[in-house]
Protein backbone atom coordinates (compact mmCIF):
# COMPACT_ATOMS: atom_id res chain seq x y z
CA MET A 1 32.05 -48.69 6.70
CA LYS A 2 32.85 -45.08 5.80
CA THR A 3 30.24 -42.39 6.34
CA SER A 4 30.15 -39.54 3.84
CA TRP A 5 30.06 -35.93 5.05
CA ARG A 6 26.52 -35.63 3.58
CA THR A 7 25.22 -38.61 5.55
CA ALA A 8 26.82 -37.31 8.73
CA SER A 9 25.21 -33.90 8.21
CA LEU A 10 21.78 -35.43 7.76
CA VAL A 11 22.16 -37.54 10.88
CA ALA A 12 23.25 -34.50 12.92
CA THR A 13 20.31 -32.45 11.66
CA ALA A 14 17.82 -35.21 12.50
CA ALA A 15 19.31 -35.53 15.97
CA SER A 16 19.02 -31.80 16.65
CA VAL A 17 15.36 -31.77 15.55
CA LEU A 18 14.61 -34.76 17.78
CA ALA A 19 16.28 -33.08 20.73
CA LEU A 20 14.28 -29.89 20.22
CA THR A 21 11.03 -31.82 19.96
CA THR A 22 11.75 -33.63 23.21
CA ALA A 23 12.85 -30.45 25.01
CA CYS A 24 9.70 -28.52 24.05
CA GLY A 25 7.41 -31.43 24.79
CA GLN A 26 5.88 -30.90 21.35
CA ASP A 27 4.12 -33.08 18.85
CA ASN A 28 6.23 -33.98 15.85
CA THR A 29 3.37 -33.87 13.40
CA THR A 30 1.15 -31.04 12.25
CA PRO A 31 -1.99 -31.08 10.10
CA PRO A 32 -2.05 -29.75 6.55
CA ALA A 33 -2.41 -25.98 6.21
CA SER A 34 -5.99 -26.33 5.02
CA ALA A 35 -6.96 -27.89 8.35
CA ALA A 36 -5.55 -25.13 10.54
CA GLN A 37 -7.97 -22.88 12.37
CA ASN A 38 -8.18 -21.13 15.69
CA VAL A 39 -9.56 -22.93 18.71
CA GLY A 40 -12.20 -21.10 20.72
CA ALA A 41 -14.50 -18.22 19.91
CA THR A 42 -15.37 -14.77 21.10
CA ALA A 43 -17.31 -14.66 24.35
CA ALA A 44 -19.21 -11.76 25.83
CA ALA A 45 -17.14 -9.86 28.37
CA VAL A 46 -17.86 -10.50 32.04
CA PRO A 47 -17.73 -7.24 34.01
CA GLY A 48 -15.14 -7.16 36.74
CA THR A 49 -13.21 -10.18 35.54
CA GLY A 50 -10.67 -8.38 33.38
CA THR A 51 -12.27 -9.71 30.20
CA GLU A 52 -13.89 -6.41 29.24
CA THR A 53 -12.92 -4.83 25.94
CA SER A 54 -14.12 -1.66 24.31
CA THR A 55 -14.86 -3.60 21.16
CA GLY A 56 -16.81 -6.32 22.95
CA ALA A 57 -20.39 -7.01 21.92
CA GLY A 58 -23.28 -7.27 24.31
CA ASN A 59 -25.03 -9.96 22.31
CA GLY A 60 -21.95 -11.82 21.16
CA TYR A 61 -22.32 -11.00 17.48
CA GLY A 62 -20.40 -7.75 17.24
CA ALA A 63 -23.30 -5.34 17.57
CA ASP A 64 -25.00 -3.60 20.45
CA GLY A 65 -26.69 -5.84 22.98
CA ASN A 66 -29.99 -3.94 22.79
CA GLN A 67 -30.64 -5.11 19.26
CA SER A 68 -33.47 -7.58 18.92
CA SER A 69 -34.71 -9.83 16.15
CA SER A 70 -38.35 -9.49 17.29
CA SER A 71 -39.09 -6.77 14.73
CA PRO A 72 -36.52 -7.10 11.97
CA SER A 73 -36.38 -4.41 9.31
CA PRO A 74 -37.17 -5.46 5.75
CA ALA A 75 -34.03 -6.67 4.04
CA ALA A 76 -32.63 -4.22 1.51
CA PRO A 77 -32.34 -5.66 -2.00
CA ALA A 78 -28.93 -6.84 -3.15
CA GLY A 79 -29.02 -5.03 -6.47
CA LYS A 80 -26.09 -5.29 -8.85
CA LEU A 81 -23.09 -6.85 -7.14
CA THR A 82 -19.72 -5.31 -7.93
CA VAL A 83 -16.09 -5.63 -6.83
CA ALA A 84 -14.41 -2.93 -4.74
CA SER A 85 -10.71 -2.64 -3.98
CA ASN A 86 -9.77 -2.33 -0.31
CA PRO A 87 -6.19 -1.33 0.62
CA ASP A 88 -5.98 -3.99 3.35
CA LEU A 89 -8.13 -6.79 1.92
CA GLY A 90 -7.77 -6.52 -1.83
CA LYS A 91 -10.92 -7.27 -3.85
CA VAL A 92 -14.21 -7.48 -1.89
CA VAL A 93 -17.79 -7.99 -3.06
CA THR A 94 -20.22 -5.11 -2.52
CA ASP A 95 -23.95 -4.81 -3.07
CA GLY A 96 -25.77 -2.26 -5.21
CA SER A 97 -25.32 0.35 -2.48
CA GLY A 98 -21.60 -0.25 -2.12
CA LEU A 99 -21.90 -2.11 1.21
CA THR A 100 -19.44 -4.93 1.84
CA LEU A 101 -20.75 -8.52 1.85
CA TYR A 102 -19.48 -11.08 4.37
CA ARG A 103 -19.33 -14.83 5.00
CA PHE A 104 -19.59 -16.74 8.30
CA ASP A 105 -17.20 -19.54 9.25
CA LYS A 106 -20.01 -21.48 10.96
CA ASP A 107 -21.92 -21.69 7.67
CA THR A 108 -21.25 -24.30 5.00
CA ALA A 109 -20.91 -23.90 1.24
CA ASN A 110 -21.30 -27.52 0.15
CA PRO A 111 -24.16 -27.87 0.68
CA PRO A 112 -25.03 -24.20 1.27
CA LYS A 113 -26.41 -23.66 4.77
CA SER A 114 -26.80 -20.61 7.00
CA ASN A 115 -26.22 -20.99 10.73
CA CYS A 116 -26.97 -17.34 11.54
CA ALA A 117 -30.48 -16.66 12.82
CA GLY A 118 -32.24 -14.65 15.52
CA ASP A 119 -30.05 -11.89 17.00
CA CYS A 120 -27.22 -13.02 14.73
CA ALA A 121 -29.33 -12.27 11.66
CA THR A 122 -30.16 -8.84 13.09
CA THR A 123 -26.50 -7.98 13.44
CA TRP A 124 -25.63 -9.70 10.14
CA PRO A 125 -28.65 -9.22 7.82
CA PRO A 126 -28.82 -11.99 5.18
CA VAL A 127 -28.62 -10.64 1.65
CA PRO A 128 -31.78 -11.47 -0.36
CA ALA A 129 -31.22 -13.53 -3.49
CA ASP A 130 -34.29 -12.29 -5.37
CA ASP A 131 -32.86 -9.35 -7.31
CA ALA A 132 -29.13 -10.02 -7.06
CA ALA A 133 -27.33 -9.47 -10.36
CA ALA A 134 -23.73 -9.89 -11.44
CA GLY A 135 -21.97 -6.62 -12.13
CA ALA A 136 -18.40 -5.93 -13.18
CA GLY A 137 -15.94 -8.48 -11.82
CA ILE A 138 -18.62 -10.90 -10.59
CA ASP A 139 -18.97 -14.36 -12.14
CA LYS A 140 -22.69 -14.97 -12.59
CA ALA A 141 -22.12 -18.72 -12.42
CA LEU A 142 -20.99 -18.38 -8.78
CA LEU A 143 -24.22 -16.72 -7.66
CA GLY A 144 -26.88 -18.90 -6.09
CA GLU A 145 -29.35 -19.05 -3.25
CA VAL A 146 -30.16 -21.02 -0.13
CA THR A 147 -33.52 -21.32 1.60
CA ARG A 148 -33.33 -20.17 5.20
CA ALA A 149 -35.28 -21.70 8.09
CA ASP A 150 -37.88 -18.90 7.79
CA GLY A 151 -38.44 -19.71 4.12
CA THR A 152 -36.67 -16.66 2.69
CA LYS A 153 -34.07 -16.98 -0.06
CA GLN A 154 -30.52 -15.84 0.76
CA LEU A 155 -27.85 -15.02 -1.77
CA THR A 156 -24.84 -17.34 -1.96
CA ILE A 157 -21.48 -16.74 -3.62
CA ALA A 158 -19.66 -19.95 -4.53
CA GLY A 159 -22.04 -21.63 -2.09
CA TRP A 160 -21.33 -19.31 0.86
CA PRO A 161 -24.37 -17.45 2.25
CA ALA A 162 -23.83 -13.68 2.00
CA TYR A 163 -24.51 -11.09 4.72
CA ARG A 164 -24.18 -7.39 5.41
CA TYR A 165 -22.97 -6.01 8.76
CA ALA A 166 -25.16 -3.71 10.87
CA LYS A 167 -22.22 -1.43 11.73
CA ASP A 168 -21.30 -0.82 8.08
CA VAL A 169 -23.14 2.37 7.22
CA ASN A 170 -21.07 3.87 4.42
CA SER A 171 -19.98 2.54 1.07
CA GLY A 172 -16.63 0.81 1.49
CA ASP A 173 -16.91 0.17 5.24
CA VAL A 174 -15.37 -3.15 6.35
CA ASN A 175 -16.12 -2.99 10.09
CA GLY A 176 -17.23 -6.61 10.04
CA GLN A 177 -13.87 -7.97 8.91
CA GLY A 178 -12.56 -10.54 11.40
CA VAL A 179 -15.33 -10.04 13.99
CA GLY A 180 -15.19 -12.89 16.49
CA GLY A 181 -12.58 -14.55 14.31
CA LYS A 182 -15.46 -15.95 12.23
CA TRP A 183 -16.74 -13.17 9.94
CA PHE A 184 -14.83 -12.14 6.82
CA ALA A 185 -15.42 -9.99 3.77
CA LEU A 186 -16.25 -12.01 0.68
CA ALA A 187 -13.85 -12.11 -2.24
CA PRO A 188 -15.37 -12.46 -5.75
CA ASP A 189 -14.54 -16.20 -5.75
CA GLY A 190 -16.40 -16.77 -2.47
CA LYS A 191 -13.21 -17.07 -0.42
CA LYS A 192 -12.19 -14.76 2.43
CA ALA A 193 -10.93 -11.47 1.03
CA SER A 194 -7.17 -11.09 1.31
CA LEU A 195 -4.49 -9.08 -0.45
CA ALA A 196 -2.59 -12.29 -0.95
CA SER A 197 -2.73 -15.90 0.04
CA LEU A 198 -0.86 -15.58 3.32
CA PRO A 199 1.03 -18.52 4.81
CA GLY A 200 -0.20 -20.10 8.04
CA LEU A 201 2.16 -17.78 9.91
CA SER A 202 4.11 -14.86 8.49
CA VAL A 203 5.68 -11.56 9.52
CA ARG A 204 4.14 -8.10 9.16
CA LYS A 205 5.90 -4.79 9.82
CA ASP A 206 3.75 -2.77 12.20
CA ALA A 207 4.30 1.00 12.35
CA LYS A 208 4.47 0.98 16.17
CA LEU A 209 5.56 -2.54 17.12
CA GLY A 210 7.96 -3.43 14.33
CA ASP A 211 8.09 -6.97 12.92
CA ILE A 212 5.30 -9.10 14.41
CA VAL A 213 3.85 -12.52 13.60
CA VAL A 214 0.40 -12.79 12.00
CA ASP A 215 -1.81 -15.77 11.09
CA ARG A 216 -3.13 -16.69 7.64
CA ASN A 217 -5.88 -14.06 7.96
CA GLY A 218 -3.39 -11.33 8.77
CA MET A 219 -4.51 -11.26 12.41
CA THR A 220 -1.86 -10.46 15.03
CA VAL A 221 -0.76 -13.37 17.24
CA TYR A 222 0.10 -12.97 20.91
CA ARG A 223 1.96 -14.57 23.82
CA PHE A 224 0.67 -14.95 27.40
CA LEU A 225 3.37 -14.26 29.99
CA LYS A 226 1.80 -16.79 32.38
CA ASP A 227 2.45 -19.63 29.91
CA LYS A 228 5.55 -21.81 29.90
CA ALA A 229 7.82 -23.00 27.10
CA TRP A 230 10.41 -25.11 28.89
CA PRO A 231 10.91 -27.96 29.53
CA LYS A 232 7.61 -28.32 27.69
CA SER A 233 4.96 -26.00 26.28
CA VAL A 234 2.17 -25.24 28.76
CA SER A 235 -0.85 -22.97 28.20
CA ASN A 236 -2.36 -21.35 31.28
CA CYS A 237 -5.19 -19.80 29.27
CA THR A 238 -8.32 -21.92 29.62
CA GLY A 239 -12.10 -21.50 29.84
CA ALA A 240 -13.25 -17.90 29.41
CA CYS A 241 -9.64 -16.86 28.75
CA LEU A 242 -9.44 -19.19 25.76
CA GLU A 243 -12.69 -17.78 24.41
CA LYS A 244 -11.26 -14.27 24.50
CA TRP A 245 -7.81 -15.37 23.28
CA PRO A 246 -8.40 -18.21 20.75
CA ALA A 247 -5.47 -20.59 20.49
CA VAL A 248 -3.77 -20.72 17.09
CA ALA A 249 -3.99 -24.25 15.72
CA PRO A 250 -0.82 -25.92 14.37
CA VAL A 251 0.40 -25.20 10.85
CA PRO A 252 3.25 -27.00 9.07
CA ALA A 253 6.63 -25.31 9.38
CA ALA A 254 6.74 -25.24 5.58
CA ASP A 255 3.59 -23.09 5.63
CA THR A 256 5.35 -20.22 7.44
CA LYS A 257 7.40 -17.29 6.20
CA GLY A 258 9.86 -15.15 8.11
CA VAL A 259 9.25 -16.90 11.45
CA GLU A 260 12.23 -18.60 13.08
CA LYS A 261 11.95 -22.37 12.79
CA LYS A 262 13.33 -23.07 16.27
CA GLY A 263 10.53 -24.37 18.47
CA LEU A 264 8.02 -23.84 15.66
CA MET A 265 5.62 -26.73 16.16
CA GLY A 266 2.43 -27.84 17.85
CA PHE A 267 1.61 -29.31 21.24
CA THR A 268 -1.45 -30.97 22.74
CA ARG A 269 -3.48 -29.01 25.27
CA PRO A 270 -4.99 -30.82 28.33
CA ASP A 271 -8.40 -30.88 26.59
CA GLY A 272 -6.88 -32.74 23.63
CA THR A 273 -6.87 -29.85 21.14
CA LYS A 274 -3.69 -28.82 19.33
CA GLN A 275 -2.00 -25.44 19.59
CA MET A 276 0.85 -23.82 17.68
CA THR A 277 4.01 -22.49 19.29
CA VAL A 278 6.78 -20.08 18.27
CA ASP A 279 10.05 -20.80 20.09
CA CYS A 280 7.99 -23.32 22.08
CA TRP A 281 5.70 -20.53 23.41
CA PRO A 282 1.93 -21.07 22.84
CA ILE A 283 0.42 -18.42 20.57
CA TYR A 284 -3.08 -16.93 20.35
CA THR A 285 -5.15 -14.35 18.50
CA PHE A 286 -7.32 -11.74 20.26
CA SER A 287 -11.10 -11.49 19.94
CA GLY A 288 -10.77 -7.72 20.35
CA ASP A 289 -8.86 -7.48 17.05
CA LYS A 290 -11.54 -6.94 14.44
CA ALA A 291 -9.47 -6.57 11.29
CA ALA A 292 -6.14 -7.65 9.89
CA GLY A 293 -3.43 -5.41 11.28
CA ASP A 294 -5.19 -4.63 14.57
CA THR A 295 -3.00 -4.86 17.68
CA ASN A 296 -5.60 -4.18 20.38
CA GLY A 297 -4.27 -7.08 22.45
CA GLN A 298 -0.84 -5.52 22.92
CA GLY A 299 -0.12 -5.10 26.64
CA VAL A 300 -3.58 -6.18 27.83
CA GLY A 301 -3.46 -6.90 31.56
CA GLY A 302 0.30 -6.54 31.47
CA THR A 303 0.45 -10.18 30.37
CA TRP A 304 -0.43 -10.30 26.66
CA TYR A 305 2.00 -9.17 23.96
CA ALA A 306 2.44 -9.45 20.21
CA VAL A 307 5.09 -11.95 19.10
CA ARG A 308 8.34 -11.18 17.32
CA PRO A 309 9.62 -13.56 14.61
CA ASP A 310 11.99 -15.13 17.19
CA GLY A 311 9.09 -15.83 19.57
CA LYS A 312 9.90 -13.06 22.07
CA PRO A 313 7.10 -10.75 23.25
CA VAL A 314 7.18 -7.23 21.85
CA GLY A 315 8.00 -4.56 24.39
CA VAL A 316 8.92 -6.83 27.31
CA PRO A 317 12.59 -6.40 28.27
CA GLY A 318 14.44 -9.61 29.10
CA LYS A 319 11.70 -11.93 27.80
């Protein structure tokens, strides 16, 4: 039986993919893009362990550790909600005073539920629903409310409970963007504010580092020099390390842009969770990066570096 050149090409391609999968020790399946999220969360720094960061929070919520919820200040009214344009995030929702509103990844929108209380609610004051009104660019039909555990009514946008951030003091501030990898400015449709719908992984040109890989939230991804890629992917970041450097969960290769496809797949960590790789190297984000475009993790400890589109660490000769 004769084999056409097209059939032969397909067979060769399939064989090369299978060989790569085996060599990297990777999984050959990845979840849909909508299921991808980072593993781990921000942990408070432990003095003397090398986990300190100047942006770290004493109470774990992104504000000073001496804040207390024992005597909370009266919540400022929401007023007329409007839409502001941010050069990095695009359209964001602001309250009547021009302060940015945020959403929390640990909350739910369907049904609406807030999981931020106590010290968290001091750092991230819930926005009252009582006097909230739709201004220019806001769809009134998306505004709602949820009853908190203390009986107060909190504003929701498309079901997501809305908050302010204690460190935003001026109109237009977005200091809460990306805090802990779980807090994001609200877009008018209730989604996370973004200039565009970024792929699961893409490439951004940084003024100092050049082309680097970022996740779907525009957050810089990093490599750990103590990890291994061959003959299989191995992460040596566990426990407190993983809390400070959340592992990037797998995304389909089709949901990437500008990143080399070689070794672009997921592997299973010893605890059973999945992690993404670029060129078979495990990748992470950094809890010290608070906003899209931050590169505070570059060079930390001499072992953490931003990732180039080919998977090599930025600024490390020979790697």
